[in-house]
């Protein structure tokens, strides 16, 4: 199972939000590339980056700072970058690919513009990831601020037909809260999608990571961990060992 340490960006700073709420933000650092290098030095091969300034439609200064941070992270040797947040045009996909991102997630446009999502998925293939977030079974978009009156099953069920091969599923109620994960929920999402998912939201312990790894590669491709890592619930080395099914 791939373990993705997370770097969430606002105006070029490394942050975490509680349940995606901009009003509940904690800043962990102002050098995202240094954080990424630290992850690589500890054995990570992937990093999950979220451009929150783009997702939340912040001003050009904030978004420009994030783009520069993404470019610097992509330059870290030995680390592949999975990027999401506010990707809503073919031009932005091209820009992120040119920076060196290895996976690029589409979220809001999956629901708002399914025709665009289909064209993009067929044009860019495995480079693209479907990014689906939900609270209480309802999909949320636009930085998790808006509901769309569609269920997880409804949205995820369309993904294979649109051409997606990768999916990040976020449980918003658990994101940034260190409340633990619901492994069975990810199994259900994977079954609907027809391919394994990357689990996001709520990892609080090594047991959570082990539970996801134990669900098997047919259900779980990877897991994203952020706040628990930054606040010392476990080390990255321990998390990587747990993701491989080993003991930390």
C-alpha atoms as a PDB file:
ATOM      1  CA  UNK A   1       0.000   0.000   0.000  1.00  0.00           C
ATOM      2  CA  UNK A   2       1.315   3.439  -0.915  1.00  0.00           C
ATOM      3  CA  UNK A   3       1.688   5.783   2.059  1.00  0.00           C
ATOM      4  CA  UNK A   4       1.174   9.416   1.060  1.00  0.00           C
ATOM      5  CA  UNK A   5       2.345  11.963   3.640  1.00  0.00           C
ATOM      6  CA  UNK A   6       0.334  15.130   3.034  1.00  0.00           C
ATOM      7  CA  UNK A   7       1.350  18.710   2.409  1.00  0.00           C
ATOM      8  CA  UNK A   8      -1.625  21.081   2.369  1.00  0.00           C
ATOM      9  CA  UNK A   9      -0.787  24.541   1.047  1.00  0.00           C
ATOM     10  CA  UNK A  10      -2.276  27.971   1.648  1.00  0.00           C
ATOM     11  CA  UNK A  11      -0.327  30.980   0.327  1.00  0.00           C
ATOM     12  CA  UNK A  12       2.846  28.903   0.181  1.00  0.00           C
ATOM     13  CA  UNK A  13       2.635  27.681   3.789  1.00  0.00           C
ATOM     14  CA  UNK A  14       2.164  24.132   5.069  1.00  0.00           C
ATOM     15  CA  UNK A  15      -1.155  23.960   6.936  1.00  0.00           C
ATOM     16  CA  UNK A  16      -3.894  21.643   8.103  1.00  0.00           C
ATOM     17  CA  UNK A  17      -7.582  22.429   8.290  1.00  0.00           C
ATOM     18  CA  UNK A  18     -10.182  20.749  10.494  1.00  0.00           C
ATOM     19  CA  UNK A  19     -12.910  19.260   8.281  1.00  0.00           C
ATOM     20  CA  UNK A  20     -11.785  21.556   5.466  1.00  0.00           C
ATOM     21  CA  UNK A  21     -12.721  24.682   7.444  1.00  0.00           C
ATOM     22  CA  UNK A  22     -10.533  27.714   6.592  1.00  0.00           C
ATOM     23  CA  UNK A  23     -11.416  29.242   9.966  1.00  0.00           C
ATOM     24  CA  UNK A  24      -9.788  26.298  11.763  1.00  0.00           C
ATOM     25  CA  UNK A  25      -6.295  26.317  10.292  1.00  0.00           C
ATOM     26  CA  UNK A  26      -2.973  25.425  11.863  1.00  0.00           C
ATOM     27  CA  UNK A  27       0.285  26.468  10.181  1.00  0.00           C
ATOM     28  CA  UNK A  28       3.088  23.889  10.392  1.00  0.00           C
ATOM     29  CA  UNK A  29       5.767  25.621   8.335  1.00  0.00           C
ATOM     30  CA  UNK A  30       6.660  28.068   5.609  1.00  0.00           C
ATOM     31  CA  UNK A  31       9.069  25.888   3.570  1.00  0.00           C
ATOM     32  CA  UNK A  32       7.047  23.168   1.825  1.00  0.00           C
ATOM     33  CA  UNK A  33      10.043  21.908  -0.170  1.00  0.00           C
ATOM     34  CA  UNK A  34      11.986  21.316   3.048  1.00  0.00           C
ATOM     35  CA  UNK A  35       9.069  19.291   4.409  1.00  0.00           C
ATOM     36  CA  UNK A  36       8.993  17.262   1.187  1.00  0.00           C
ATOM     37  CA  UNK A  37      12.761  16.645   1.346  1.00  0.00           C
ATOM     38  CA  UNK A  38      12.369  15.433   4.916  1.00  0.00           C
ATOM     39  CA  UNK A  39       9.694  12.990   3.792  1.00  0.00           C
ATOM     40  CA  UNK A  40      11.936  11.682   1.001  1.00  0.00           C
ATOM     41  CA  UNK A  41      14.894  11.300   3.359  1.00  0.00           C
ATOM     42  CA  UNK A  42      12.706   9.200   5.655  1.00  0.00           C
ATOM     43  CA  UNK A  43      11.762   6.836   2.846  1.00  0.00           C
ATOM     44  CA  UNK A  44       8.596   8.235   1.287  1.00  0.00           C
ATOM     45  CA  UNK A  45       8.293   7.796  -2.472  1.00  0.00           C
ATOM     46  CA  UNK A  46       5.053   9.770  -2.886  1.00  0.00           C
ATOM     47  CA  UNK A  47       3.664  12.954  -1.369  1.00  0.00           C
ATOM     48  CA  UNK A  48       0.059  14.164  -1.504  1.00  0.00           C
ATOM     49  CA  UNK A  49      -0.129  17.924  -2.055  1.00  0.00           C
ATOM     50  CA  UNK A  50      -3.342  19.944  -1.822  1.00  0.00           C
ATOM     51  CA  UNK A  51      -3.523  23.450  -3.284  1.00  0.00           C
ATOM     52  CA  UNK A  52      -6.070  24.836  -0.842  1.00  0.00           C
ATOM     53  CA  UNK A  53      -5.701  28.399  -2.124  1.00  0.00           C
ATOM     54  CA  UNK A  54      -6.877  27.214  -5.541  1.00  0.00           C
ATOM     55  CA  UNK A  55      -9.630  25.034  -4.079  1.00  0.00           C
ATOM     56  CA  UNK A  56     -10.904  27.916  -1.946  1.00  0.00           C
ATOM     57  CA  UNK A  57     -10.535  30.387  -4.823  1.00  0.00           C
ATOM     58  CA  UNK A  58      -8.194  32.690  -2.933  1.00  0.00           C
ATOM     59  CA  UNK A  59      -6.421  35.639  -4.531  1.00  0.00           C
ATOM     60  CA  UNK A  60      -3.740  35.442  -7.204  1.00  0.00           C
ATOM     61  CA  UNK A  61      -0.917  36.151  -4.748  1.00  0.00           C
ATOM     62  CA  UNK A  62      -1.859  33.161  -2.587  1.00  0.00           C
ATOM     63  CA  UNK A  63      -2.317  30.907  -5.593  1.00  0.00           C
ATOM     64  CA  UNK A  64       0.977  32.010  -7.137  1.00  0.00           C
ATOM     65  CA  UNK A  65       2.820  31.236  -3.894  1.00  0.00           C
ATOM     66  CA  UNK A  66       1.325  27.752  -3.942  1.00  0.00           C
ATOM     67  CA  UNK A  67       2.320  27.140  -7.557  1.00  0.00           C
ATOM     68  CA  UNK A  68       5.919  28.083  -6.716  1.00  0.00           C
ATOM     69  CA  UNK A  69       5.787  25.730  -3.719  1.00  0.00           C
ATOM     70  CA  UNK A  70       4.446  22.899  -5.895  1.00  0.00           C
ATOM     71  CA  UNK A  71       7.269  23.431  -8.396  1.00  0.00           C
ATOM     72  CA  UNK A  72       9.831  23.249  -5.570  1.00  0.00           C
ATOM     73  CA  UNK A  73       8.265  20.076  -4.163  1.00  0.00           C
ATOM     74  CA  UNK A  74       8.319  18.469  -7.612  1.00  0.00           C
ATOM     75  CA  UNK A  75      12.059  19.164  -7.770  1.00  0.00           C
ATOM     76  CA  UNK A  76      12.746  17.001  -4.692  1.00  0.00           C
ATOM     77  CA  UNK A  77      14.681  13.971  -5.891  1.00  0.00           C
ATOM     78  CA  UNK A  78      13.070  10.562  -5.490  1.00  0.00           C
ATOM     79  CA  UNK A  79       9.619  11.882  -4.629  1.00  0.00           C
ATOM     80  CA  UNK A  80       6.528  11.615  -6.856  1.00  0.00           C
ATOM     81  CA  UNK A  81       3.887  14.289  -6.390  1.00  0.00           C
ATOM     82  CA  UNK A  82       0.137  13.651  -6.278  1.00  0.00           C
ATOM     83  CA  UNK A  83      -1.555  17.058  -6.516  1.00  0.00           C
ATOM     84  CA  UNK A  84      -5.148  18.172  -6.036  1.00  0.00           C
ATOM     85  CA  UNK A  85      -7.183  21.245  -5.258  1.00  0.00           C
ATOM     86  CA  UNK A  86      -8.916  23.616  -7.636  1.00  0.00           C
ATOM     87  CA  UNK A  87      -7.965  21.860 -10.882  1.00  0.00           C
ATOM     88  CA  UNK A  88     -10.736  22.975 -13.205  1.00  0.00           C
ATOM     89  CA  UNK A  89      -9.193  23.393 -16.674  1.00  0.00           C
ATOM     90  CA  UNK A  90      -7.081  21.547 -19.212  1.00  0.00           C
ATOM     91  CA  UNK A  91      -4.620  24.435 -19.010  1.00  0.00           C
ATOM     92  CA  UNK A  92      -4.113  23.861 -15.276  1.00  0.00           C
ATOM     93  CA  UNK A  93      -3.617  20.131 -15.858  1.00  0.00           C
ATOM     94  CA  UNK A  94      -0.978  20.953 -18.475  1.00  0.00           C
ATOM     95  CA  UNK A  95       0.689  23.446 -16.114  1.00  0.00           C
ATOM     96  CA  UNK A  96       0.857  20.961 -13.222  1.00  0.00           C
ATOM     97  CA  UNK A  97       2.124  18.188 -15.491  1.00  0.00           C
ATOM     98  CA  UNK A  98       4.827  20.544 -16.787  1.00  0.00           C
ATOM     99  CA  UNK A  99       5.876  21.260 -13.190  1.00  0.00           C
ATOM    100  CA  UNK A 100       6.432  17.524 -12.763  1.00  0.00           C
ATOM    101  CA  UNK A 101       3.327  16.296 -10.944  1.00  0.00           C
ATOM    102  CA  UNK A 102       2.816  12.545 -11.458  1.00  0.00           C
ATOM    103  CA  UNK A 103      -0.868  12.442 -10.490  1.00  0.00           C
ATOM    104  CA  UNK A 104      -3.382  15.281 -10.794  1.00  0.00           C
ATOM    105  CA  UNK A 105      -6.755  15.139  -9.070  1.00  0.00           C
ATOM    106  CA  UNK A 106     -10.044  16.494 -10.358  1.00  0.00           C
ATOM    107  CA  UNK A 107     -12.731  17.135  -7.781  1.00  0.00           C
ATOM    108  CA  UNK A 108     -15.431  19.743  -8.312  1.00  0.00           C
ATOM    109  CA  UNK A 109     -15.483  19.347 -12.110  1.00  0.00           C
ATOM    110  CA  UNK A 110     -16.323  15.649 -11.749  1.00  0.00           C
ATOM    111  CA  UNK A 111     -19.761  16.746 -10.616  1.00  0.00           C
ATOM    112  CA  UNK A 112     -20.140  20.213 -12.097  1.00  0.00           C
ATOM    113  CA  UNK A 113     -18.748  19.413 -15.554  1.00  0.00           C
ATOM    114  CA  UNK A 114     -18.802  15.653 -16.203  1.00  0.00           C
ATOM    115  CA  UNK A 115     -18.307  16.225 -19.930  1.00  0.00           C
ATOM    116  CA  UNK A 116     -15.043  18.052 -19.250  1.00  0.00           C
ATOM    117  CA  UNK A 117     -13.992  15.382 -16.744  1.00  0.00           C
ATOM    118  CA  UNK A 118     -14.537  12.665 -19.332  1.00  0.00           C
ATOM    119  CA  UNK A 119     -12.531  14.515 -21.995  1.00  0.00           C
ATOM    120  CA  UNK A 120      -9.722  15.166 -19.516  1.00  0.00           C
ATOM    121  CA  UNK A 121      -9.631  11.572 -18.255  1.00  0.00           C
ATOM    122  CA  UNK A 122      -9.426  10.183 -21.760  1.00  0.00           C
ATOM    123  CA  UNK A 123      -6.785  12.712 -22.797  1.00  0.00           C
ATOM    124  CA  UNK A 124      -4.539  12.347 -19.760  1.00  0.00           C
ATOM    125  CA  UNK A 125      -5.259   8.746 -18.743  1.00  0.00           C
ATOM    126  CA  UNK A 126      -3.514   7.482 -15.633  1.00  0.00           C
ATOM    127  CA  UNK A 127      -2.143  10.928 -14.831  1.00  0.00           C
ATOM    128  CA  UNK A 128      -5.567  11.937 -13.504  1.00  0.00           C
ATOM    129  CA  UNK A 129      -7.206  11.034 -10.211  1.00  0.00           C
ATOM    130  CA  UNK A 130     -10.843  11.375  -9.221  1.00  0.00           C
ATOM    131  CA  UNK A 131     -11.038  13.259  -5.921  1.00  0.00           C
ATOM    132  CA  UNK A 132     -14.328  12.594  -4.134  1.00  0.00           C
ATOM    133  CA  UNK A 133     -15.149  13.980  -0.689  1.00  0.00           C
ATOM    134  CA  UNK A 134     -18.303  13.356   1.297  1.00  0.00           C
ATOM    135  CA  UNK A 135     -19.939  14.079   4.611  1.00  0.00           C
ATOM    136  CA  UNK A 136     -22.698  11.772   5.851  1.00  0.00           C
ATOM    137  CA  UNK A 137     -22.860  10.097   2.454  1.00  0.00           C
ATOM    138  CA  UNK A 138     -23.359  13.317   0.458  1.00  0.00           C
ATOM    139  CA  UNK A 139     -20.691  14.501  -1.956  1.00  0.00           C
ATOM    140  CA  UNK A 140     -19.288  17.993  -1.324  1.00  0.00           C
ATOM    141  CA  UNK A 141     -17.518  20.233  -3.847  1.00  0.00           C
ATOM    142  CA  UNK A 142     -15.884  23.657  -4.179  1.00  0.00           C
ATOM    143  CA  UNK A 143     -13.461  23.222  -1.305  1.00  0.00           C
ATOM    144  CA  UNK A 144     -16.045  21.049   0.517  1.00  0.00           C
ATOM    145  CA  UNK A 145     -18.234  24.132   0.977  1.00  0.00           C
ATOM    146  CA  UNK A 146     -21.167  23.065  -1.203  1.00  0.00           C
ATOM    147  CA  UNK A 147     -23.372  19.998  -1.326  1.00  0.00           C
ATOM    148  CA  UNK A 148     -24.593  18.647  -4.651  1.00  0.00           C
ATOM    149  CA  UNK A 149     -27.472  16.443  -3.463  1.00  0.00           C
ATOM    150  CA  UNK A 150     -25.749  13.368  -4.850  1.00  0.00           C
ATOM    151  CA  UNK A 151     -24.615  10.301  -2.973  1.00  0.00           C
ATOM    152  CA  UNK A 152     -21.124   8.855  -2.928  1.00  0.00           C
ATOM    153  CA  UNK A 153     -22.404   5.771  -4.730  1.00  0.00           C
ATOM    154  CA  UNK A 154     -23.954   7.869  -7.495  1.00  0.00           C
ATOM    155  CA  UNK A 155     -20.828   9.918  -8.192  1.00  0.00           C
ATOM    156  CA  UNK A 156     -18.298   7.118  -7.748  1.00  0.00           C
ATOM    157  CA  UNK A 157     -20.388   4.803  -9.889  1.00  0.00           C
ATOM    158  CA  UNK A 158     -19.781   7.060 -12.884  1.00  0.00           C
ATOM    159  CA  UNK A 159     -16.003   7.182 -12.583  1.00  0.00           C
ATOM    160  CA  UNK A 160     -15.095   4.024 -14.459  1.00  0.00           C
ATOM    161  CA  UNK A 161     -17.266   5.060 -17.370  1.00  0.00           C
ATOM    162  CA  UNK A 162     -15.532   8.446 -17.410  1.00  0.00           C
ATOM    163  CA  UNK A 163     -12.179   6.684 -17.736  1.00  0.00           C
ATOM    164  CA  UNK A 164     -10.670   7.185 -14.275  1.00  0.00           C
ATOM    165  CA  UNK A 165      -8.308   4.573 -12.836  1.00  0.00           C
ATOM    166  CA  UNK A 166      -7.377   6.278  -9.547  1.00  0.00           C
ATOM    167  CA  UNK A 167      -9.618   7.630  -6.776  1.00  0.00           C
ATOM    168  CA  UNK A 168      -8.952   9.527  -3.561  1.00  0.00           C
ATOM    169  CA  UNK A 169     -11.927   9.306  -1.220  1.00  0.00           C
ATOM    170  CA  UNK A 170     -12.073  11.697   1.739  1.00  0.00           C
ATOM    171  CA  UNK A 171     -14.322  11.306   4.753  1.00  0.00           C
ATOM    172  CA  UNK A 172     -14.780  15.030   5.555  1.00  0.00           C
ATOM    173  CA  UNK A 173     -16.159  14.463   9.046  1.00  0.00           C
ATOM    174  CA  UNK A 174     -12.911  12.748  10.015  1.00  0.00           C
ATOM    175  CA  UNK A 175     -10.429  14.863   8.027  1.00  0.00           C
ATOM    176  CA  UNK A 176      -7.903  16.636  10.223  1.00  0.00           C
ATOM    177  CA  UNK A 177      -9.613  15.337  13.351  1.00  0.00           C
ATOM    178  CA  UNK A 178      -7.501  12.229  14.139  1.00  0.00           C
ATOM    179  CA  UNK A 179     -10.674  10.325  14.972  1.00  0.00           C
ATOM    180  CA  UNK A 180      -9.697   7.072  13.287  1.00  0.00           C
ATOM    181  CA  UNK A 181     -10.840   5.553  10.015  1.00  0.00           C
ATOM    182  CA  UNK A 182     -13.720   3.427   8.801  1.00  0.00           C
ATOM    183  CA  UNK A 183     -11.974   0.796   6.672  1.00  0.00           C
ATOM    184  CA  UNK A 184     -15.262  -0.759   5.627  1.00  0.00           C
ATOM    185  CA  UNK A 185     -16.399   2.535   4.087  1.00  0.00           C
ATOM    186  CA  UNK A 186     -13.384   2.520   1.781  1.00  0.00           C
ATOM    187  CA  UNK A 187     -14.053  -1.102   0.837  1.00  0.00           C
ATOM    188  CA  UNK A 188     -17.581  -0.126  -0.192  1.00  0.00           C
ATOM    189  CA  UNK A 189     -16.354   2.817  -2.262  1.00  0.00           C
ATOM    190  CA  UNK A 190     -13.782   0.611  -4.005  1.00  0.00           C
ATOM    191  CA  UNK A 191     -16.459  -1.957  -4.791  1.00  0.00           C
ATOM    192  CA  UNK A 192     -18.646   0.710  -6.410  1.00  0.00           C
ATOM    193  CA  UNK A 193     -15.713   2.208  -8.321  1.00  0.00           C
ATOM    194  CA  UNK A 194     -14.441  -1.125  -9.568  1.00  0.00           C
ATOM    195  CA  UNK A 195     -10.847  -0.303  -8.639  1.00  0.00           C
ATOM    196  CA  UNK A 196      -8.893   0.326  -5.398  1.00  0.00           C
ATOM    197  CA  UNK A 197      -9.053   3.710  -3.674  1.00  0.00           C
ATOM    198  CA  UNK A 198      -6.695   5.974  -1.776  1.00  0.00           C
ATOM    199  CA  UNK A 199      -8.078   6.544   1.720  1.00  0.00           C
ATOM    200  CA  UNK A 200      -8.022  10.053   3.164  1.00  0.00           C
ATOM    201  CA  UNK A 201      -9.311  11.539   6.397  1.00  0.00           C
ATOM    202  CA  UNK A 202      -9.028  10.653  10.058  1.00  0.00           C
ATOM    203  CA  UNK A 203      -5.910   8.482  10.340  1.00  0.00           C
ATOM    204  CA  UNK A 204      -4.884   8.776  13.983  1.00  0.00           C
ATOM    205  CA  UNK A 205      -2.751   5.719  14.690  1.00  0.00           C
ATOM    206  CA  UNK A 206      -0.579   3.043  13.151  1.00  0.00           C
ATOM    207  CA  UNK A 207      -3.467   0.638  13.702  1.00  0.00           C
ATOM    208  CA  UNK A 208      -5.540   2.716  11.262  1.00  0.00           C
ATOM    209  CA  UNK A 209      -2.823   2.357   8.633  1.00  0.00           C
ATOM    210  CA  UNK A 210      -2.512  -1.373   9.320  1.00  0.00           C
ATOM    211  CA  UNK A 211      -6.285  -1.796   9.020  1.00  0.00           C
ATOM    212  CA  UNK A 212      -6.251  -0.150   5.589  1.00  0.00           C
ATOM    213  CA  UNK A 213      -3.295  -2.261   4.448  1.00  0.00           C
ATOM    214  CA  UNK A 214      -5.091  -5.374   5.683  1.00  0.00           C
ATOM    215  CA  UNK A 215      -8.094  -4.536   3.497  1.00  0.00           C
ATOM    216  CA  UNK A 216      -5.950  -5.657   0.579  1.00  0.00           C
ATOM    217  CA  UNK A 217      -4.735  -4.152  -2.711  1.00  0.00           C
ATOM    218  CA  UNK A 218      -8.040  -4.847  -4.443  1.00  0.00           C
ATOM    219  CA  UNK A 219      -9.704  -2.324  -2.077  1.00  0.00           C
ATOM    220  CA  UNK A 220      -6.974   0.078  -0.946  1.00  0.00           C
ATOM    221  CA  UNK A 221      -4.271   1.467  -3.219  1.00  0.00           C
ATOM    222  CA  UNK A 222      -2.917   3.884  -0.648  1.00  0.00           C
ATOM    223  CA  UNK A 223      -3.531   6.052   2.394  1.00  0.00           C
ATOM    224  CA  UNK A 224      -2.972   9.751   3.060  1.00  0.00           C
ATOM    225  CA  UNK A 225      -1.829  10.956   6.458  1.00  0.00           C
ATOM    226  CA  UNK A 226      -1.294  14.535   7.531  1.00  0.00           C
ATOM    227  CA  UNK A 227      -2.095  15.910  10.961  1.00  0.00           C
ATOM    228  CA  UNK A 228      -1.230  12.742  12.897  1.00  0.00           C
ATOM    229  CA  UNK A 229       2.199  12.787  11.279  1.00  0.00           C
ATOM    230  CA  UNK A 230       2.813  16.487  11.948  1.00  0.00           C
ATOM    231  CA  UNK A 231       1.715  16.237  15.555  1.00  0.00           C
ATOM    232  CA  UNK A 232       3.839  13.208  16.367  1.00  0.00           C
ATOM    233  CA  UNK A 233       1.250  10.453  16.735  1.00  0.00           C
ATOM    234  CA  UNK A 234       3.763   8.313  14.837  1.00  0.00           C
ATOM    235  CA  UNK A 235       6.868   8.783  12.721  1.00  0.00           C
ATOM    236  CA  UNK A 236       6.888   8.565   8.948  1.00  0.00           C
ATOM    237  CA  UNK A 237       9.166   5.521   9.178  1.00  0.00           C
ATOM    238  CA  UNK A 238       6.624   3.792  11.417  1.00  0.00           C
ATOM    239  CA  UNK A 239       3.792   4.734   9.048  1.00  0.00           C
ATOM    240  CA  UNK A 240       5.676   3.407   6.015  1.00  0.00           C
ATOM    241  CA  UNK A 241       6.353   0.116   7.830  1.00  0.00           C
ATOM    242  CA  UNK A 242       2.686  -0.192   8.797  1.00  0.00           C
ATOM    243  CA  UNK A 243       1.646   0.491   5.187  1.00  0.00           C
ATOM    244  CA  UNK A 244       3.833  -2.399   4.079  1.00  0.00           C
ATOM    245  CA  UNK A 245       2.115  -4.652   6.595  1.00  0.00           C
ATOM    246  CA  UNK A 246       5.102  -4.722   8.921  1.00  0.00           C
ATOM    247  CA  UNK A 247       5.520  -3.834  12.551  1.00  0.00           C
ATOM    248  CA  UNK A 248       6.823  -0.403  13.423  1.00  0.00           C
END
